[in-house]
């Protein structure tokens, strides 16, 4: 169990105030990277224990779905929207209001790498060797 120092309690109070403000405006719950930067924490791994402590105290209720979360402030009943970003990057899917709903991929999104960095990794139907490993039948060569 983590000891509640005055610094830890202040960070919990600051996080609760920040979440209350976001919930009152209907904004998305911030991800760990945003909270880490905002409160100048030593590590991103120190964010989740703050949520767990606030949840254990009964002041917030956290709904989690994979990398997303939604926080409800018990005192006001206001909720944040679901987290939109994970680790500061946009999600690969758009158009969802919460877990369990269908999503559509972003058109043309291939990730952060340039197109020449993507390799054809399907095995050759004739010999079973991938083109980037040296299949003689493959039309695509590794870059």
C-alpha atoms as a PDB file:
ATOM      1  CA  UNK A   1       0.000   0.000   0.000  1.00  0.00           C
ATOM      2  CA  UNK A   2       1.227   3.466  -0.873  1.00  0.00           C
ATOM      3  CA  UNK A   3       1.566   5.934   1.987  1.00  0.00           C
ATOM      4  CA  UNK A   4      -0.534   9.074   1.622  1.00  0.00           C
ATOM      5  CA  UNK A   5       1.989  11.852   1.939  1.00  0.00           C
ATOM      6  CA  UNK A   6       0.858  15.499   1.797  1.00  0.00           C
ATOM      7  CA  UNK A   7       2.267  15.706  -1.743  1.00  0.00           C
ATOM      8  CA  UNK A   8       0.292  12.628  -2.831  1.00  0.00           C
ATOM      9  CA  UNK A   9      -2.879  13.978  -1.233  1.00  0.00           C
ATOM     10  CA  UNK A  10      -2.377  17.319  -3.005  1.00  0.00           C
ATOM     11  CA  UNK A  11      -1.948  15.535  -6.340  1.00  0.00           C
ATOM     12  CA  UNK A  12      -5.127  13.560  -5.687  1.00  0.00           C
ATOM     13  CA  UNK A  13      -7.011  16.770  -4.868  1.00  0.00           C
ATOM     14  CA  UNK A  14      -5.641  18.460  -7.990  1.00  0.00           C
ATOM     15  CA  UNK A  15      -6.604  15.474 -10.143  1.00  0.00           C
ATOM     16  CA  UNK A  16     -10.099  15.423  -8.658  1.00  0.00           C
ATOM     17  CA  UNK A  17     -10.507  19.146  -9.384  1.00  0.00           C
ATOM     18  CA  UNK A  18      -9.249  18.645 -12.944  1.00  0.00           C
ATOM     19  CA  UNK A  19     -11.581  15.688 -13.532  1.00  0.00           C
ATOM     20  CA  UNK A  20     -14.528  17.586 -12.016  1.00  0.00           C
ATOM     21  CA  UNK A  21     -13.909  20.477 -14.388  1.00  0.00           C
ATOM     22  CA  UNK A  22     -13.644  18.134 -17.389  1.00  0.00           C
ATOM     23  CA  UNK A  23     -16.810  16.295 -16.340  1.00  0.00           C
ATOM     24  CA  UNK A  24     -18.793  19.507 -15.894  1.00  0.00           C
ATOM     25  CA  UNK A  25     -17.846  20.535 -19.444  1.00  0.00           C
ATOM     26  CA  UNK A  26     -18.436  17.043 -20.899  1.00  0.00           C
ATOM     27  CA  UNK A  27     -14.837  16.806 -22.102  1.00  0.00           C
ATOM     28  CA  UNK A  28     -13.074  13.462 -22.578  1.00  0.00           C
ATOM     29  CA  UNK A  29     -11.212  11.916 -19.687  1.00  0.00           C
ATOM     30  CA  UNK A  30      -7.534  12.786 -20.127  1.00  0.00           C
ATOM     31  CA  UNK A  31      -5.083   9.987 -20.811  1.00  0.00           C
ATOM     32  CA  UNK A  32      -2.130   9.169 -18.578  1.00  0.00           C
ATOM     33  CA  UNK A  33       0.328  11.145 -20.695  1.00  0.00           C
ATOM     34  CA  UNK A  34      -1.720  14.334 -20.409  1.00  0.00           C
ATOM     35  CA  UNK A  35      -2.062  13.949 -16.636  1.00  0.00           C
ATOM     36  CA  UNK A  36       1.643  13.138 -16.317  1.00  0.00           C
ATOM     37  CA  UNK A  37       2.564  16.329 -18.170  1.00  0.00           C
ATOM     38  CA  UNK A  38      -0.041  18.472 -16.430  1.00  0.00           C
ATOM     39  CA  UNK A  39       0.913  17.524 -12.863  1.00  0.00           C
ATOM     40  CA  UNK A  40       4.644  17.102 -13.578  1.00  0.00           C
ATOM     41  CA  UNK A  41       4.759  13.558 -12.193  1.00  0.00           C
ATOM     42  CA  UNK A  42       8.079  11.687 -12.195  1.00  0.00           C
ATOM     43  CA  UNK A  43       6.647   8.806 -14.232  1.00  0.00           C
ATOM     44  CA  UNK A  44       3.546   7.983 -16.272  1.00  0.00           C
ATOM     45  CA  UNK A  45       3.133   4.881 -14.108  1.00  0.00           C
ATOM     46  CA  UNK A  46       2.244   7.117 -11.145  1.00  0.00           C
ATOM     47  CA  UNK A  47      -0.995   8.281 -12.757  1.00  0.00           C
ATOM     48  CA  UNK A  48      -3.081   5.117 -12.407  1.00  0.00           C
ATOM     49  CA  UNK A  49      -2.495   4.774  -8.619  1.00  0.00           C
ATOM     50  CA  UNK A  50      -3.971   8.274  -8.206  1.00  0.00           C
ATOM     51  CA  UNK A  51      -7.122   7.101  -9.986  1.00  0.00           C
ATOM     52  CA  UNK A  52      -7.203   3.949  -7.851  1.00  0.00           C
ATOM     53  CA  UNK A  53      -6.876   5.974  -4.632  1.00  0.00           C
ATOM     54  CA  UNK A  54      -9.655   8.372  -5.649  1.00  0.00           C
ATOM     55  CA  UNK A  55     -11.796   5.378  -6.578  1.00  0.00           C
ATOM     56  CA  UNK A  56     -11.034   3.670  -3.240  1.00  0.00           C
ATOM     57  CA  UNK A  57     -12.034   6.854  -1.403  1.00  0.00           C
ATOM     58  CA  UNK A  58     -15.382   6.727  -3.217  1.00  0.00           C
ATOM     59  CA  UNK A  59     -15.149  10.162  -4.805  1.00  0.00           C
ATOM     60  CA  UNK A  60     -15.031   8.911  -8.416  1.00  0.00           C
ATOM     61  CA  UNK A  61     -16.234   5.888 -10.367  1.00  0.00           C
ATOM     62  CA  UNK A  62     -14.013   4.813 -13.266  1.00  0.00           C
ATOM     63  CA  UNK A  63     -15.320   2.773 -16.196  1.00  0.00           C
ATOM     64  CA  UNK A  64     -12.534   1.121 -18.167  1.00  0.00           C
ATOM     65  CA  UNK A  65     -12.605  -0.407 -21.621  1.00  0.00           C
ATOM     66  CA  UNK A  66      -9.192  -1.356 -22.942  1.00  0.00           C
ATOM     67  CA  UNK A  67      -7.137   1.819 -23.126  1.00  0.00           C
ATOM     68  CA  UNK A  68     -10.134   4.071 -22.677  1.00  0.00           C
ATOM     69  CA  UNK A  69     -11.824   5.283 -19.512  1.00  0.00           C
ATOM     70  CA  UNK A  70     -14.732   7.418 -18.406  1.00  0.00           C
ATOM     71  CA  UNK A  71     -14.871   9.015 -14.949  1.00  0.00           C
ATOM     72  CA  UNK A  72     -18.020   9.869 -13.008  1.00  0.00           C
ATOM     73  CA  UNK A  73     -17.723  12.326 -10.123  1.00  0.00           C
ATOM     74  CA  UNK A  74     -19.825  10.874  -7.294  1.00  0.00           C
ATOM     75  CA  UNK A  75     -20.601  14.229  -5.632  1.00  0.00           C
ATOM     76  CA  UNK A  76     -22.074  15.815  -8.772  1.00  0.00           C
ATOM     77  CA  UNK A  77     -22.993  12.811 -10.906  1.00  0.00           C
ATOM     78  CA  UNK A  78     -21.259  14.419 -13.904  1.00  0.00           C
ATOM     79  CA  UNK A  79     -19.255  12.175 -16.230  1.00  0.00           C
ATOM     80  CA  UNK A  80     -16.427  12.798 -18.616  1.00  0.00           C
ATOM     81  CA  UNK A  81     -16.626  11.518 -22.155  1.00  0.00           C
ATOM     82  CA  UNK A  82     -14.600   8.432 -23.079  1.00  0.00           C
ATOM     83  CA  UNK A  83     -10.867   8.942 -23.534  1.00  0.00           C
ATOM     84  CA  UNK A  84     -10.134   9.884 -27.144  1.00  0.00           C
ATOM     85  CA  UNK A  85      -6.392   9.388 -27.283  1.00  0.00           C
ATOM     86  CA  UNK A  86      -3.957   6.848 -25.955  1.00  0.00           C
ATOM     87  CA  UNK A  87      -0.351   7.868 -25.278  1.00  0.00           C
ATOM     88  CA  UNK A  88      -0.789  11.134 -27.088  1.00  0.00           C
ATOM     89  CA  UNK A  89      -1.630   9.578 -30.464  1.00  0.00           C
ATOM     90  CA  UNK A  90      -4.974   9.474 -32.226  1.00  0.00           C
ATOM     91  CA  UNK A  91      -6.855   6.195 -32.099  1.00  0.00           C
ATOM     92  CA  UNK A  92      -7.048   4.150 -35.280  1.00  0.00           C
ATOM     93  CA  UNK A  93     -10.835   4.165 -35.240  1.00  0.00           C
ATOM     94  CA  UNK A  94     -13.353   6.975 -35.124  1.00  0.00           C
ATOM     95  CA  UNK A  95     -17.070   7.193 -34.680  1.00  0.00           C
ATOM     96  CA  UNK A  96     -17.515   5.391 -31.366  1.00  0.00           C
ATOM     97  CA  UNK A  97     -19.194   6.826 -28.322  1.00  0.00           C
ATOM     98  CA  UNK A  98     -18.096   4.000 -26.061  1.00  0.00           C
ATOM     99  CA  UNK A  99     -17.057   0.368 -25.861  1.00  0.00           C
ATOM    100  CA  UNK A 100     -19.105  -2.213 -27.673  1.00  0.00           C
ATOM    101  CA  UNK A 101     -20.119   0.102 -30.478  1.00  0.00           C
ATOM    102  CA  UNK A 102     -18.972  -0.452 -34.039  1.00  0.00           C
ATOM    103  CA  UNK A 103     -16.152   1.688 -35.325  1.00  0.00           C
ATOM    104  CA  UNK A 104     -14.960   2.558 -38.780  1.00  0.00           C
ATOM    105  CA  UNK A 105     -11.272   2.829 -39.687  1.00  0.00           C
ATOM    106  CA  UNK A 106      -9.901   6.219 -40.604  1.00  0.00           C
ATOM    107  CA  UNK A 107      -9.657   6.419 -44.382  1.00  0.00           C
ATOM    108  CA  UNK A 108      -6.092   6.296 -45.651  1.00  0.00           C
ATOM    109  CA  UNK A 109      -4.509   5.970 -42.206  1.00  0.00           C
ATOM    110  CA  UNK A 110      -1.488   3.682 -42.314  1.00  0.00           C
ATOM    111  CA  UNK A 111       0.125   4.670 -39.025  1.00  0.00           C
ATOM    112  CA  UNK A 112       3.157   6.778 -38.279  1.00  0.00           C
ATOM    113  CA  UNK A 113       5.558   5.141 -40.751  1.00  0.00           C
ATOM    114  CA  UNK A 114       6.023   6.290 -44.344  1.00  0.00           C
ATOM    115  CA  UNK A 115       4.647   4.005 -47.036  1.00  0.00           C
ATOM    116  CA  UNK A 116       8.094   2.723 -48.069  1.00  0.00           C
ATOM    117  CA  UNK A 117       8.624   1.281 -44.590  1.00  0.00           C
ATOM    118  CA  UNK A 118       5.683  -1.143 -44.926  1.00  0.00           C
ATOM    119  CA  UNK A 119       6.748  -4.535 -46.236  1.00  0.00           C
ATOM    120  CA  UNK A 120       4.666  -7.151 -47.965  1.00  0.00           C
ATOM    121  CA  UNK A 121       4.709  -9.929 -45.338  1.00  0.00           C
ATOM    122  CA  UNK A 122       2.272 -12.424 -46.814  1.00  0.00           C
ATOM    123  CA  UNK A 123       3.871 -15.731 -47.785  1.00  0.00           C
ATOM    124  CA  UNK A 124       4.182 -16.564 -51.442  1.00  0.00           C
ATOM    125  CA  UNK A 125       1.361 -18.900 -52.555  1.00  0.00           C
ATOM    126  CA  UNK A 126       3.845 -20.918 -54.640  1.00  0.00           C
ATOM    127  CA  UNK A 127       6.761 -21.483 -52.246  1.00  0.00           C
ATOM    128  CA  UNK A 128       5.457 -20.262 -48.860  1.00  0.00           C
ATOM    129  CA  UNK A 129       8.396 -17.855 -48.290  1.00  0.00           C
ATOM    130  CA  UNK A 130       7.751 -14.185 -47.591  1.00  0.00           C
ATOM    131  CA  UNK A 131       8.959 -11.680 -50.153  1.00  0.00           C
ATOM    132  CA  UNK A 132      11.060  -9.789 -47.623  1.00  0.00           C
ATOM    133  CA  UNK A 133      12.865 -13.048 -46.779  1.00  0.00           C
ATOM    134  CA  UNK A 134      13.853 -13.876 -50.315  1.00  0.00           C
ATOM    135  CA  UNK A 135      11.029 -15.474 -52.289  1.00  0.00           C
ATOM    136  CA  UNK A 136      12.015 -15.656 -55.957  1.00  0.00           C
ATOM    137  CA  UNK A 137       8.382 -15.414 -57.075  1.00  0.00           C
ATOM    138  CA  UNK A 138       7.530 -12.229 -55.203  1.00  0.00           C
ATOM    139  CA  UNK A 139       7.010  -9.058 -57.199  1.00  0.00           C
ATOM    140  CA  UNK A 140       7.594  -6.852 -54.150  1.00  0.00           C
ATOM    141  CA  UNK A 141      11.107  -6.583 -52.840  1.00  0.00           C
ATOM    142  CA  UNK A 142      12.038  -5.504 -49.337  1.00  0.00           C
ATOM    143  CA  UNK A 143      13.154  -1.898 -49.061  1.00  0.00           C
END
